[in-house]
Amino acid sequence: PAVIADLARWQAWGMVDQVAALLDRPDEGDRAVARAAIGYLLLCPSARAREVLSRVRATHPALVAEAERTATLFGGGR
């Protein structure tokens, strides 16, 4: 999760597909990684991130809501 947060802090927005792939893994048991990946997508200004986030919002609404609350606390999010 820390690496994903670093990507967002460094504004490394070219990693959208790699970060999104973390959400597609069959072992979705690591909520911390999922929250960090969603947080990255929330902060990323690209159209691709919005597209992926829309898909994730439909499949994991509770995780997205949790990540949005966290992002809002730190001044981010949409």
Protein backbone atom coordinates (compact mmCIF):
# COMPACT_ATOMS: atom_id res chain seq x y z
CA PRO A 1 0.00 0.00 0.00
CA ALA A 2 2.80 2.45 0.76
CA VAL A 3 4.20 2.13 -2.75
CA ILE A 4 0.81 2.97 -4.25
CA ALA A 5 0.53 6.01 -1.98
CA ASP A 6 4.01 7.07 -3.11
CA LEU A 7 2.90 6.86 -6.75
CA ALA A 8 0.03 9.22 -5.98
CA ARG A 9 2.25 11.57 -3.98
CA TRP A 10 4.75 11.67 -6.87
CA GLN A 11 1.85 12.14 -9.29
CA ALA A 12 2.97 9.12 -11.30
CA TRP A 13 -0.29 9.01 -13.18
CA GLY A 14 1.02 6.76 -15.93
CA MET A 15 0.59 3.71 -13.70
CA VAL A 16 -3.23 3.56 -13.84
CA ASP A 17 -3.44 0.18 -15.55
CA GLN A 18 -0.85 -1.42 -13.27
CA VAL A 19 -2.57 -0.10 -10.14
CA ALA A 20 -5.99 -1.11 -11.47
CA ALA A 21 -4.67 -4.63 -12.10
CA LEU A 22 -4.17 -4.99 -8.35
CA LEU A 23 -7.95 -4.77 -7.98
CA ASP A 24 -8.50 -7.60 -10.47
CA ARG A 25 -6.48 -10.19 -8.62
CA PRO A 26 -8.46 -13.22 -7.49
CA ASP A 27 -7.09 -12.97 -3.93
CA GLU A 28 -8.91 -9.78 -3.06
CA GLY A 29 -8.38 -10.44 0.63
CA ASP A 30 -5.96 -7.55 1.07
CA ARG A 31 -8.25 -4.61 1.73
CA ALA A 32 -5.30 -2.27 2.42
CA VAL A 33 -3.95 -2.77 -1.09
CA ALA A 34 -7.43 -2.31 -2.58
CA ARG A 35 -8.00 0.90 -0.58
CA ALA A 36 -4.61 2.27 -1.66
CA ALA A 37 -5.30 1.41 -5.32
CA ILE A 38 -8.72 3.06 -5.18
CA GLY A 39 -7.19 6.09 -3.47
CA TYR A 40 -4.69 6.39 -6.32
CA LEU A 41 -7.54 6.22 -8.85
CA LEU A 42 -9.51 8.85 -6.93
CA LEU A 43 -6.59 11.27 -7.04
CA CYS A 44 -5.50 10.56 -10.61
CA PRO A 45 -6.78 13.21 -13.06
CA SER A 46 -6.80 10.96 -16.15
CA ALA A 47 -9.87 9.83 -18.05
CA ARG A 48 -8.58 6.25 -17.82
CA ALA A 49 -8.58 6.45 -14.01
CA ARG A 50 -12.18 7.71 -14.03
CA GLU A 51 -13.14 4.85 -16.33
CA VAL A 52 -11.53 2.23 -14.10
CA LEU A 53 -12.94 3.85 -10.98
CA SER A 54 -16.44 3.70 -12.44
CA ARG A 55 -16.05 -0.06 -12.97
CA VAL A 56 -14.64 -0.56 -9.47
CA ARG A 57 -17.42 1.56 -7.97
CA ALA A 58 -19.97 -0.81 -9.54
CA THR A 59 -18.28 -3.96 -8.24
CA HIS A 60 -16.93 -2.77 -4.87
CA PRO A 61 -19.03 0.22 -3.74
CA ALA A 62 -18.18 -0.15 -0.04
CA LEU A 63 -14.44 -0.14 -0.70
CA VAL A 64 -14.74 2.94 -2.91
CA ALA A 65 -16.81 4.74 -0.28
CA GLU A 66 -14.20 3.88 2.37
CA ALA A 67 -11.36 5.14 0.15
CA GLU A 68 -13.31 8.33 -0.63
CA ARG A 69 -13.74 9.07 3.08
CA THR A 70 -10.02 8.57 3.64
CA ALA A 71 -9.07 10.71 0.61
CA THR A 72 -11.36 13.50 1.82
CA LEU A 73 -9.60 13.53 5.18
CA PHE A 74 -6.31 14.17 3.39
CA GLY A 75 -7.64 16.79 0.99
CA GLY A 76 -8.03 14.58 -2.08
CA GLY A 77 -10.75 12.74 -3.92
CA ARG A 78 -13.39 13.75 -6.38
